[in-house]
Amino acid sequence: MDEHDHDEGYTGPAVLTVDGRDVPVHAQLDARHEPHDGRLHWFGRVRVEEGQPEIPSGTVEVRTESGHAQARIGDVDPWGRYRLTGVGIPPFRIDDPDLDD
C-alpha cells in the first residue's frame, strides 16, 4: 500500500459557494482530530473546473453529496489547486473513531 492511500477522507466533486455564486471543483479532503484543542480539523486541496474564475481568499461554503461546511481558502499550489481548511464537522462522511484499545 502506498503511504498516501487510505480509506478516510473524500476525493471527488464538490461545489464552493463564493460571494453567492456556485463554483464546481474537484476536492481531495481529509480530517484529523487535533489533541491540542480537542477539535476535528479538516483540510485539503480543491481544483477549480476549467473555465471558472479564480477564487479569492476568504470564507466559502463547501458542499459534497454528503454534507456542507464553512471553510477558508488559502494559498494556490504550483498545480493551481487551492488550499482549503475547516474546523468541526467536515462536508464529507467520516468513519466513527475506533474506541477499542
Protein backbone atom coordinates (compact mmCIF):
# COMPACT_ATOMS: atom_id res chain seq x y z
CA MET A 1 0.00 0.00 0.00
CA ASP A 2 1.29 3.46 -0.90
CA GLU A 3 1.82 5.72 2.12
CA HIS A 4 -0.77 8.15 0.71
CA ASP A 5 -3.52 5.55 0.21
CA HIS A 6 -6.20 5.43 2.91
CA ASP A 7 -9.91 4.86 3.34
CA GLU A 8 -10.59 8.10 5.20
CA GLY A 9 -11.31 11.48 3.67
CA TYR A 10 -13.02 12.44 0.46
CA THR A 11 -11.95 12.70 -3.16
CA GLY A 12 -14.48 13.78 -5.75
CA PRO A 13 -16.74 16.56 -6.97
CA ALA A 14 -17.72 19.44 -4.72
CA VAL A 15 -19.19 22.91 -5.01
CA LEU A 16 -17.82 26.05 -3.36
CA THR A 17 -20.19 28.93 -2.75
CA VAL A 18 -18.09 32.07 -3.15
CA ASP A 19 -19.71 35.51 -2.81
CA GLY A 20 -23.12 34.00 -3.58
CA ARG A 21 -22.05 32.06 -6.71
CA ASP A 22 -21.51 28.32 -7.00
CA VAL A 23 -18.14 27.17 -8.33
CA PRO A 24 -17.72 23.47 -9.26
CA VAL A 25 -14.44 21.96 -8.05
CA HIS A 26 -12.68 18.64 -7.67
CA ALA A 27 -11.80 18.13 -3.99
CA GLN A 28 -9.28 16.00 -2.14
CA LEU A 29 -10.01 16.37 1.59
CA ASP A 30 -9.02 14.67 4.82
CA ALA A 31 -9.72 15.16 8.55
CA ARG A 32 -7.73 14.74 11.75
CA HIS A 33 -8.57 15.07 15.42
CA GLU A 34 -6.12 17.56 16.95
CA PRO A 35 -5.37 16.73 20.59
CA HIS A 36 -4.03 20.23 21.31
CA ASP A 37 -7.52 21.75 21.03
CA GLY A 38 -9.74 18.63 21.05
CA ARG A 39 -11.39 19.56 17.75
CA LEU A 40 -11.69 17.93 14.35
CA HIS A 41 -9.69 19.81 11.72
CA TRP A 42 -10.28 19.05 8.04
CA PHE A 43 -8.22 20.23 5.12
CA GLY A 44 -7.16 19.54 1.59
CA ARG A 45 -6.97 20.96 -1.91
CA VAL A 46 -9.59 21.86 -4.50
CA ARG A 47 -9.09 22.28 -8.23
CA VAL A 48 -11.44 24.70 -9.97
CA GLU A 49 -13.18 23.27 -13.01
CA GLU A 50 -11.91 24.60 -16.33
CA GLY A 51 -13.47 27.88 -17.42
CA GLN A 52 -14.32 29.02 -13.87
CA PRO A 53 -12.91 32.26 -12.42
CA GLU A 54 -10.22 32.27 -9.74
CA ILE A 55 -11.35 32.06 -6.13
CA PRO A 56 -10.44 34.93 -3.80
CA SER A 57 -9.06 34.23 -0.32
CA GLY A 58 -11.65 34.18 2.43
CA THR A 59 -14.52 32.08 3.73
CA VAL A 60 -16.56 29.80 1.48
CA GLU A 61 -19.17 27.10 1.87
CA VAL A 62 -18.14 23.64 0.64
CA ARG A 63 -20.77 21.09 -0.44
CA THR A 64 -20.41 17.44 -1.38
CA GLU A 65 -23.13 14.84 -1.87
CA SER A 66 -22.92 14.01 1.84
CA GLY A 67 -22.71 17.38 3.57
CA HIS A 68 -21.68 21.01 3.72
CA ALA A 69 -19.44 23.18 5.89
CA GLN A 70 -17.74 26.54 6.11
CA ALA A 71 -14.06 26.69 5.15
CA ARG A 72 -11.22 29.09 4.44
CA ILE A 73 -9.50 29.32 1.09
CA GLY A 74 -5.74 29.65 1.27
CA ASP A 75 -2.71 29.51 -0.98
CA VAL A 76 -2.60 28.11 -4.51
CA ASP A 77 -0.03 25.38 -5.14
CA PRO A 78 2.10 25.10 -8.31
CA TRP A 79 -0.60 22.89 -9.91
CA GLY A 80 -3.33 25.50 -9.45
CA ARG A 81 -5.07 23.79 -6.52
CA TYR A 82 -6.39 25.93 -3.66
CA ARG A 83 -5.74 25.03 -0.01
CA LEU A 84 -8.96 24.54 1.95
CA THR A 85 -9.22 24.33 5.76
CA GLY A 86 -12.07 23.93 8.19
CA VAL A 87 -12.82 23.02 11.81
CA GLY A 88 -15.68 20.89 13.06
CA ILE A 89 -17.94 18.57 11.09
CA PRO A 90 -16.49 18.25 7.56
CA PRO A 91 -18.54 18.34 4.34
CA PHE A 92 -17.98 14.60 3.86
CA ARG A 93 -18.71 11.43 5.83
CA ILE A 94 -16.07 10.18 8.20
CA ASP A 95 -15.99 6.85 9.99
CA ASP A 96 -16.73 6.74 13.69
CA PRO A 97 -13.49 6.57 15.68
CA ASP A 98 -12.33 3.18 16.89
CA LEU A 99 -12.60 3.41 20.67
CA ASP A 100 -11.42 -0.15 21.31
CA ASP A 101 -7.85 -0.46 22.61
